[in-house]
C-alpha atoms as a PDB file:
ATOM      1  CA  ILE A   1      -5.306  -9.692  -1.009  1.00  0.00           C
ATOM      2  CA  ILE A   2      -3.994  -6.852  -2.998  1.00  0.00           C
ATOM      3  CA  THR A   3      -0.900  -6.668  -0.918  1.00  0.00           C
ATOM      4  CA  TYR A   4      -0.283 -10.363  -1.550  1.00  0.00           C
ATOM      5  CA  ILE A   5      -0.949  -9.956  -5.362  1.00  0.00           C
ATOM      6  CA  MET A   6       1.507  -7.084  -5.392  1.00  0.00           C
ATOM      7  CA  ALA A   7       4.097  -9.100  -3.583  1.00  0.00           C
ATOM      8  CA  SER A   8       3.654 -11.906  -6.081  1.00  0.00           C
ATOM      9  CA  VAL A   9       4.050  -9.540  -9.048  1.00  0.00           C
ATOM     10  CA  MET A  10       7.128  -7.858  -7.552  1.00  0.00           C
ATOM     11  CA  TYR A  11       8.692 -11.284  -6.825  1.00  0.00           C
ATOM     12  CA  ILE A  12       8.113 -12.311 -10.489  1.00  0.00           C
ATOM     13  CA  ILE A  13       9.612  -9.027 -11.818  1.00  0.00           C
ATOM     14  CA  GLU A  14      12.393  -8.384  -9.275  1.00  0.00           C
ATOM     15  CA  ARG A  15      13.604 -11.924  -8.188  1.00  0.00           C
ATOM     16  CA  ASN A  16      16.584 -12.045 -10.616  1.00  0.00           C
ATOM     17  CA  SER A  17      17.622  -8.402 -10.206  1.00  0.00           C
ATOM     18  CA  ASP A  18      17.415  -8.355  -6.272  1.00  0.00           C
ATOM     19  CA  PRO A  19      17.078 -11.903  -4.943  1.00  0.00           C
ATOM     20  CA  GLU A  20      18.105 -10.646  -1.358  1.00  0.00           C
ATOM     21  CA  HIS A  21      14.892  -8.554  -1.117  1.00  0.00           C
ATOM     22  CA  PHE A  22      12.640 -10.276  -3.639  1.00  0.00           C
ATOM     23  CA  GLY A  23      13.894 -13.801  -3.612  1.00  0.00           C
ATOM     24  CA  SER A  24      10.567 -15.206  -2.315  1.00  0.00           C
ATOM     25  CA  ILE A  25       7.075 -13.943  -2.157  1.00  0.00           C
ATOM     26  CA  PHE A  26       7.299 -13.575   1.566  1.00  0.00           C
ATOM     27  CA  ARG A  27      10.380 -11.322   1.157  1.00  0.00           C
ATOM     28  CA  ALA A  28       8.497  -9.312  -1.371  1.00  0.00           C
ATOM     29  CA  MET A  29       5.670  -9.089   1.073  1.00  0.00           C
ATOM     30  CA  TRP A  30       7.617  -6.657   3.278  1.00  0.00           C
ATOM     31  CA  PHE A  31       8.144  -4.254   0.334  1.00  0.00           C
ATOM     32  CA  SER A  32       4.493  -4.527  -0.530  1.00  0.00           C
ATOM     33  CA  PHE A  33       3.214  -3.847   2.921  1.00  0.00           C
ATOM     34  CA  VAL A  34       5.500  -0.942   3.539  1.00  0.00           C
ATOM     35  CA  SER A  35       4.443   0.597   0.105  1.00  0.00           C
ATOM     36  CA  VAL A  36       0.749   0.097   0.450  1.00  0.00           C
ATOM     37  CA  THR A  37       0.626   1.470   4.006  1.00  0.00           C
ATOM     38  CA  THR A  38       2.645   4.620   2.869  1.00  0.00           C
ATOM     39  CA  ILE A  39       5.339   3.927   5.483  1.00  0.00           C
ATOM     40  CA  GLY A  40       7.993   3.751   2.921  1.00  0.00           C
ATOM     41  CA  TYR A  41      11.188   2.961   4.883  1.00  0.00           C
ATOM     42  CA  GLY A  42      13.294   2.813   1.710  1.00  0.00           C
ATOM     43  CA  ASP A  43      15.246  -0.270   2.929  1.00  0.00           C
ATOM     44  CA  VAL A  44      13.914  -2.283  -0.029  1.00  0.00           C
ATOM     45  CA  VAL A  45      13.872  -0.644  -3.587  1.00  0.00           C
ATOM     46  CA  PRO A  46      13.049  -2.276  -6.913  1.00  0.00           C
ATOM     47  CA  GLN A  47      15.899  -2.374  -9.358  1.00  0.00           C
ATOM     48  CA  THR A  48      14.096  -2.724 -12.664  1.00  0.00           C
ATOM     49  CA  THR A  49      12.208   0.114 -14.366  1.00  0.00           C
ATOM     50  CA  ILE A  50       8.928  -1.802 -14.607  1.00  0.00           C
ATOM     51  CA  GLY A  51       9.337  -2.676 -10.800  1.00  0.00           C
ATOM     52  CA  LYS A  52       9.755   0.966  -9.976  1.00  0.00           C
ATOM     53  CA  LEU A  53       6.769   1.947 -12.026  1.00  0.00           C
ATOM     54  CA  LEU A  54       4.586  -0.763 -10.451  1.00  0.00           C
ATOM     55  CA  ALA A  55       5.841   0.425  -7.121  1.00  0.00           C
ATOM     56  CA  CYS A  56       4.848   3.939  -7.838  1.00  0.00           C
ATOM     57  CA  ILE A  57       1.391   2.930  -8.800  1.00  0.00           C
ATOM     58  CA  PHE A  58       1.037   0.585  -5.714  1.00  0.00           C
ATOM     59  CA  ALA A  59       2.170   3.417  -3.343  1.00  0.00           C
ATOM     60  CA  PHE A  60      -0.141   5.968  -4.987  1.00  0.00           C
ATOM     61  CA  SER A  61      -3.021   3.500  -4.612  1.00  0.00           C
ATOM     62  CA  GLY A  62      -2.112   3.103  -0.921  1.00  0.00           C
ATOM     63  CA  ILE A  63      -2.275   6.897  -0.525  1.00  0.00           C
ATOM     64  CA  ILE A  64      -5.785   6.855  -2.201  1.00  0.00           C
ATOM     65  CA  CYS A  65      -6.982   4.130   0.120  1.00  0.00           C
ATOM     66  CA  VAL A  66      -5.762   5.896   3.249  1.00  0.00           C
ATOM     67  CA  THR A  67      -7.406   9.089   2.022  1.00  0.00           C
ATOM     68  CA  ILE A  68     -10.727   7.361   1.348  1.00  0.00           C
ATOM     69  CA  LEU A  69     -10.700   5.685   4.668  1.00  0.00           C
ATOM     70  CA  THR A  70      -9.963   8.991   6.533  1.00  0.00           C
ATOM     71  CA  ALA A  71     -12.702  10.769   4.641  1.00  0.00           C
ATOM     72  CA  ASN A  72     -15.138   8.044   5.512  1.00  0.00           C
ATOM     73  CA  ILE A  73     -14.222   8.217   9.177  1.00  0.00           C
ATOM     74  CA  ILE A  74     -14.707  12.055   9.133  1.00  0.00           C
ATOM     75  CA  ASP A  75     -17.991  11.619   7.396  1.00  0.00           C
ATOM     76  CA  MET A  76     -19.364   9.164   9.805  1.00  0.00           C
ATOM     77  CA  ASN A  77     -18.184  11.316  12.676  1.00  0.00           C
ATOM     78  CA  SER A  78     -19.943  14.291  11.205  1.00  0.00           C
ATOM     79  CA  GLN A  79     -23.161  12.331  10.674  1.00  0.00           C
ATOM     80  CA  TYR A  80     -22.959  10.993  14.270  1.00  0.00           C
ATOM     81  CA  ASP A  81     -22.527  14.566  15.650  1.00  0.00           C
ATOM     82  CA  HIS A  82     -25.405  15.811  13.430  1.00  0.00           C
ATOM     83  CA  SER A  83     -27.767  13.084  14.727  1.00  0.00           C
ATOM     84  CA  GLU A  84     -26.750  13.798  18.265  1.00  0.00           C
ATOM     85  CA  SER A  85     -27.479  17.526  17.811  1.00  0.00           C
ATOM     86  CA  GLU A  86     -30.978  16.807  16.379  1.00  0.00           C
ATOM     87  CA  GLN A  87     -31.866  14.630  19.330  1.00  0.00           C
ATOM     88  CA  ARG A  88     -31.311  17.364  21.819  1.00  0.00           C
END
């Protein structure tokens, strides 16, 4: 949902500056998906200052989400290992 919202916002901001990449919400979705997953191909880049600022914020939030997910997986694995060692 957040990725779709970001694509919609980037479409509104960038559609006149770069219609090739941001001419529709579905085109902007590529940028949004690549940014939030921290892949960052660099093939689509916002042209406006506000677009670049929002892209930075969105990419940073993607990094935070990946970090939290990784920390939760490690924590769950640690809890599982701890409960397994108590049962022995």
